[in-house]
Structure formats: structure tokens, C-alpha cells
Amino acid sequence: MKKYLCIAVSAFVMSAAVAIAGPDKAAVEAKENAAWQSFKDKKADAFEKLVDKDLRAVYDVGIMKMSDEIEAMKKWDMKSFAISNFEMFSDEKDVIVTSYVVKLEGTYDGHDMTGTYNAGSVWKMEGNDWLAIFHTNIKQAAAAK
């Protein structure tokens, strides 16, 4: 009887650990891609479903809030983007930190922004949804010759 009780308790503890661990890497990467795609497609409604209303974003031009991101979306003409080297970690059940490289082609307010960027986001479980609460990206410096 003790053997069966040990097995049952072990199974319960393992299933609880998996539930606390949060989404897998592929699911988080899909959310990150969906946020970029909705921004690229200028679909503010879809973007706002993935990003918290209190978002903070840090770029070389300054610190932005959600309303700033929506305004910036209107000035972007993003032709393409591709995420690579995606990594994530978490030591909390309701927070995930991502880092990755994104290659994009496009313009912002008529200025060429094509290039490779280092990027990262923080995602937080809000109710039943993972929402981005922080984002940053910065263009990689040209390699020294």
C-alpha cells in the first residue's frame, strides 16, 4: 500500500511542477512571432491582445508606452522579419524572459531600418493569458574590420 501511495504522491508532485513551469519554448516563441506579425500587419487590435496595456518598451530613441507603440505602428512599413536564436528562461511561475535576434526589412517614417537587432521581452501571466509587459530591441553594431 505504501508503494502505491508513494507513486500517487510522486505523480501528483510531478504534474504540479509541470503546470507551474508555464508554457513551453515553442509556445512562447509563437507568441513573440504573433506580436511581431500583428505589428508588421498594423493590426492594433491583435497586438493589444498580446501586449499588456501598461507595456514599457526601451529603444535607442527612448522609452515608450502602449499608446506610443500603436502610433509608431502607423509609421512603420515592415516588409519582413525573422526571429532566430530564441531563448527563454523563468524562475517564477508567472513571468518569462525571452531573448532573440530578429532580422527585419522595412522603413520607419521613411527611414531605412533594415538590419539585424538583438531583442528581448518579458511576458507575465495575466489571468489566463501571457501578455508582454516589457520589450526592447537594438540594432547590432557593424562588425569591426
C-alpha atoms as a PDB file:
ATOM      1  CA  MET A   1       0.000   0.000   0.000  1.00  0.00           C
ATOM      2  CA  LYS A   2       2.848   2.401   0.830  1.00  0.00           C
ATOM      3  CA  LYS A   3       4.294   1.766  -2.626  1.00  0.00           C
ATOM      4  CA  TYR A   4       1.078   2.850  -4.357  1.00  0.00           C
ATOM      5  CA  LEU A   5       0.766   5.906  -2.121  1.00  0.00           C
ATOM      6  CA  CYS A   6       4.364   6.932  -2.965  1.00  0.00           C
ATOM      7  CA  ILE A   7       3.683   6.530  -6.679  1.00  0.00           C
ATOM      8  CA  ALA A   8       0.476   8.569  -6.440  1.00  0.00           C
ATOM      9  CA  VAL A   9       2.151  11.368  -4.478  1.00  0.00           C
ATOM     10  CA  SER A  10       5.127  11.407  -6.875  1.00  0.00           C
ATOM     11  CA  ALA A  11       2.804  11.630  -9.891  1.00  0.00           C
ATOM     12  CA  PHE A  12       0.881  14.486  -8.265  1.00  0.00           C
ATOM     13  CA  VAL A  13       4.055  16.437  -7.446  1.00  0.00           C
ATOM     14  CA  MET A  14       5.433  15.968 -10.971  1.00  0.00           C
ATOM     15  CA  SER A  15       2.180  17.077 -12.598  1.00  0.00           C
ATOM     16  CA  ALA A  16       2.067  20.149 -10.339  1.00  0.00           C
ATOM     17  CA  ALA A  17       5.656  21.020 -11.280  1.00  0.00           C
ATOM     18  CA  VAL A  18       4.807  20.790 -14.991  1.00  0.00           C
ATOM     19  CA  ALA A  19       1.733  23.002 -14.502  1.00  0.00           C
ATOM     20  CA  ILE A  20       3.782  25.623 -12.644  1.00  0.00           C
ATOM     21  CA  ALA A  21       6.557  25.576 -15.246  1.00  0.00           C
ATOM     22  CA  GLY A  22       4.400  27.516 -17.709  1.00  0.00           C
ATOM     23  CA  PRO A  23       4.318  27.233 -21.468  1.00  0.00           C
ATOM     24  CA  ASP A  24       6.998  25.508 -23.454  1.00  0.00           C
ATOM     25  CA  LYS A  25       9.581  27.338 -25.542  1.00  0.00           C
ATOM     26  CA  ALA A  26       7.690  26.804 -28.818  1.00  0.00           C
ATOM     27  CA  ALA A  27       4.502  28.328 -27.370  1.00  0.00           C
ATOM     28  CA  VAL A  28       6.329  31.422 -26.121  1.00  0.00           C
ATOM     29  CA  GLU A  29       8.193  31.828 -29.407  1.00  0.00           C
ATOM     30  CA  ALA A  30       4.842  31.605 -31.217  1.00  0.00           C
ATOM     31  CA  LYS A  31       3.503  34.438 -29.010  1.00  0.00           C
ATOM     32  CA  GLU A  32       6.590  36.548 -29.771  1.00  0.00           C
ATOM     33  CA  ASN A  33       6.139  35.915 -33.516  1.00  0.00           C
ATOM     34  CA  ALA A  34       2.431  36.744 -33.282  1.00  0.00           C
ATOM     35  CA  ALA A  35       3.214  40.090 -31.623  1.00  0.00           C
ATOM     36  CA  TRP A  36       5.722  40.955 -34.380  1.00  0.00           C
ATOM     37  CA  GLN A  37       3.295  39.804 -37.105  1.00  0.00           C
ATOM     38  CA  SER A  38       0.399  41.882 -35.761  1.00  0.00           C
ATOM     39  CA  PHE A  39       2.722  44.915 -35.542  1.00  0.00           C
ATOM     40  CA  LYS A  40       4.002  44.305 -39.094  1.00  0.00           C
ATOM     41  CA  ASP A  41       0.426  43.952 -40.389  1.00  0.00           C
ATOM     42  CA  LYS A  42      -0.645  47.072 -38.458  1.00  0.00           C
ATOM     43  CA  LYS A  43      -3.345  45.130 -36.630  1.00  0.00           C
ATOM     44  CA  ALA A  44      -3.529  47.122 -33.413  1.00  0.00           C
ATOM     45  CA  ASP A  45      -6.417  45.028 -32.032  1.00  0.00           C
ATOM     46  CA  ALA A  46      -4.450  41.787 -32.398  1.00  0.00           C
ATOM     47  CA  PHE A  47      -1.329  43.442 -30.970  1.00  0.00           C
ATOM     48  CA  GLU A  48      -3.253  44.698 -27.923  1.00  0.00           C
ATOM     49  CA  LYS A  49      -4.430  41.145 -27.193  1.00  0.00           C
ATOM     50  CA  LEU A  50      -0.794  40.012 -26.865  1.00  0.00           C
ATOM     51  CA  VAL A  51       0.681  43.033 -25.102  1.00  0.00           C
ATOM     52  CA  ASP A  52      -0.314  44.409 -21.708  1.00  0.00           C
ATOM     53  CA  LYS A  53      -1.937  47.850 -21.688  1.00  0.00           C
ATOM     54  CA  ASP A  54       0.831  49.006 -19.311  1.00  0.00           C
ATOM     55  CA  LEU A  55       3.667  47.900 -21.620  1.00  0.00           C
ATOM     56  CA  ARG A  56       7.020  49.614 -21.358  1.00  0.00           C
ATOM     57  CA  ALA A  57       9.473  49.415 -24.248  1.00  0.00           C
ATOM     58  CA  VAL A  58      13.031  50.709 -24.381  1.00  0.00           C
ATOM     59  CA  TYR A  59      14.660  51.680 -27.668  1.00  0.00           C
ATOM     60  CA  ASP A  60      17.542  53.892 -28.758  1.00  0.00           C
ATOM     61  CA  VAL A  61      15.027  56.726 -29.273  1.00  0.00           C
ATOM     62  CA  GLY A  62      13.525  56.496 -25.789  1.00  0.00           C
ATOM     63  CA  ILE A  63      11.060  54.773 -23.505  1.00  0.00           C
ATOM     64  CA  MET A  64       7.626  54.030 -24.932  1.00  0.00           C
ATOM     65  CA  LYS A  65       4.200  53.047 -23.603  1.00  0.00           C
ATOM     66  CA  MET A  66       1.446  51.121 -25.381  1.00  0.00           C
ATOM     67  CA  SER A  67      -0.041  54.279 -26.933  1.00  0.00           C
ATOM     68  CA  ASP A  68       3.408  55.164 -28.334  1.00  0.00           C
ATOM     69  CA  GLU A  69       3.754  51.682 -29.841  1.00  0.00           C
ATOM     70  CA  ILE A  70       0.375  51.982 -31.573  1.00  0.00           C
ATOM     71  CA  GLU A  71       1.359  55.382 -33.000  1.00  0.00           C
ATOM     72  CA  ALA A  72       4.736  54.007 -34.141  1.00  0.00           C
ATOM     73  CA  MET A  73       2.955  51.090 -35.823  1.00  0.00           C
ATOM     74  CA  LYS A  74       1.321  53.565 -38.204  1.00  0.00           C
ATOM     75  CA  LYS A  75       4.730  54.913 -39.324  1.00  0.00           C
ATOM     76  CA  TRP A  76       6.319  51.508 -39.949  1.00  0.00           C
ATOM     77  CA  ASP A  77       6.395  49.828 -43.334  1.00  0.00           C
ATOM     78  CA  MET A  78       7.814  46.474 -42.307  1.00  0.00           C
ATOM     79  CA  LYS A  79       8.324  44.192 -45.297  1.00  0.00           C
ATOM     80  CA  SER A  80       9.577  41.142 -43.378  1.00  0.00           C
ATOM     81  CA  PHE A  81      11.012  39.902 -40.093  1.00  0.00           C
ATOM     82  CA  ALA A  82      12.600  36.615 -38.986  1.00  0.00           C
ATOM     83  CA  ILE A  83      13.293  35.591 -35.399  1.00  0.00           C
ATOM     84  CA  SER A  84      16.272  33.321 -34.630  1.00  0.00           C
ATOM     85  CA  ASN A  85      18.391  32.246 -31.657  1.00  0.00           C
ATOM     86  CA  PHE A  86      15.268  32.311 -29.470  1.00  0.00           C
ATOM     87  CA  GLU A  87      15.921  31.638 -25.789  1.00  0.00           C
ATOM     88  CA  MET A  88      13.740  31.917 -22.716  1.00  0.00           C
ATOM     89  CA  PHE A  89      14.011  31.395 -19.002  1.00  0.00           C
ATOM     90  CA  SER A  90      11.935  31.786 -15.911  1.00  0.00           C
ATOM     91  CA  ASP A  91      12.400  31.313 -12.210  1.00  0.00           C
ATOM     92  CA  GLU A  92       8.831  32.388 -11.481  1.00  0.00           C
ATOM     93  CA  LYS A  93       5.641  30.587 -12.470  1.00  0.00           C
ATOM     94  CA  ASP A  94       4.052  33.731 -13.926  1.00  0.00           C
ATOM     95  CA  VAL A  95       6.996  35.533 -15.595  1.00  0.00           C
ATOM     96  CA  ILE A  96       9.069  34.590 -18.658  1.00  0.00           C
ATOM     97  CA  VAL A  97      12.055  36.443 -20.089  1.00  0.00           C
ATOM     98  CA  THR A  98      12.954  35.987 -23.765  1.00  0.00           C
ATOM     99  CA  SER A  99      15.972  36.984 -25.817  1.00  0.00           C
ATOM    100  CA  TYR A 100      16.491  36.533 -29.542  1.00  0.00           C
ATOM    101  CA  VAL A 101      17.789  38.002 -32.769  1.00  0.00           C
ATOM    102  CA  VAL A 102      15.391  39.486 -35.310  1.00  0.00           C
ATOM    103  CA  LYS A 103      16.282  40.356 -38.877  1.00  0.00           C
ATOM    104  CA  LEU A 104      13.913  42.835 -40.381  1.00  0.00           C
ATOM    105  CA  GLU A 105      13.450  44.711 -43.589  1.00  0.00           C
ATOM    106  CA  GLY A 106      11.497  47.925 -43.582  1.00  0.00           C
ATOM    107  CA  THR A 107      11.272  51.640 -43.028  1.00  0.00           C
ATOM    108  CA  TYR A 108      10.107  53.859 -40.204  1.00  0.00           C
ATOM    109  CA  ASP A 109       8.750  57.246 -41.191  1.00  0.00           C
ATOM    110  CA  GLY A 110      10.630  56.944 -44.499  1.00  0.00           C
ATOM    111  CA  HIS A 111      13.974  55.979 -42.913  1.00  0.00           C
ATOM    112  CA  ASP A 112      15.518  52.596 -43.721  1.00  0.00           C
ATOM    113  CA  MET A 113      15.534  50.414 -40.602  1.00  0.00           C
ATOM    114  CA  THR A 114      16.606  47.184 -42.308  1.00  0.00           C
ATOM    115  CA  GLY A 115      19.057  45.233 -40.206  1.00  0.00           C
ATOM    116  CA  THR A 116      19.687  42.679 -37.500  1.00  0.00           C
ATOM    117  CA  TYR A 117      18.527  43.506 -33.988  1.00  0.00           C
ATOM    118  CA  ASN A 118      19.109  41.984 -30.551  1.00  0.00           C
ATOM    119  CA  ALA A 119      15.749  41.801 -28.810  1.00  0.00           C
ATOM    120  CA  GLY A 120      14.111  40.720 -25.597  1.00  0.00           C
ATOM    121  CA  SER A 121      10.723  40.695 -23.926  1.00  0.00           C
ATOM    122  CA  VAL A 122       9.225  39.971 -20.543  1.00  0.00           C
ATOM    123  CA  TRP A 123       5.934  38.074 -20.513  1.00  0.00           C
ATOM    124  CA  LYS A 124       3.636  37.853 -17.489  1.00  0.00           C
ATOM    125  CA  MET A 125       0.653  35.629 -16.835  1.00  0.00           C
ATOM    126  CA  GLU A 126      -2.371  37.913 -16.516  1.00  0.00           C
ATOM    127  CA  GLY A 127      -5.477  35.888 -15.703  1.00  0.00           C
ATOM    128  CA  ASN A 128      -5.303  33.030 -18.210  1.00  0.00           C
ATOM    129  CA  ASP A 129      -3.169  34.817 -20.801  1.00  0.00           C
ATOM    130  CA  TRP A 130       0.524  35.505 -21.254  1.00  0.00           C
ATOM    131  CA  LEU A 131       0.995  39.196 -22.089  1.00  0.00           C
ATOM    132  CA  ALA A 132       4.165  41.052 -22.959  1.00  0.00           C
ATOM    133  CA  ILE A 133       4.858  43.686 -20.300  1.00  0.00           C
ATOM    134  CA  PHE A 134       8.319  44.802 -21.490  1.00  0.00           C
ATOM    135  CA  HIS A 135      10.175  44.814 -24.807  1.00  0.00           C
ATOM    136  CA  THR A 136      13.448  46.116 -26.153  1.00  0.00           C
ATOM    137  CA  ASN A 137      15.475  45.784 -29.318  1.00  0.00           C
ATOM    138  CA  ILE A 138      18.587  47.464 -30.583  1.00  0.00           C
ATOM    139  CA  LYS A 139      20.304  47.232 -33.931  1.00  0.00           C
ATOM    140  CA  GLN A 140      23.508  45.212 -33.879  1.00  0.00           C
ATOM    141  CA  ALA A 141      26.643  47.272 -34.367  1.00  0.00           C
ATOM    142  CA  ALA A 142      28.577  46.813 -37.593  1.00  0.00           C
ATOM    143  CA  ALA A 143      31.389  44.291 -37.250  1.00  0.00           C
ATOM    144  CA  ALA A 144      34.830  45.825 -36.805  1.00  0.00           C
ATOM    145  CA  LYS A 145      37.115  45.489 -39.813  1.00  0.00           C
END
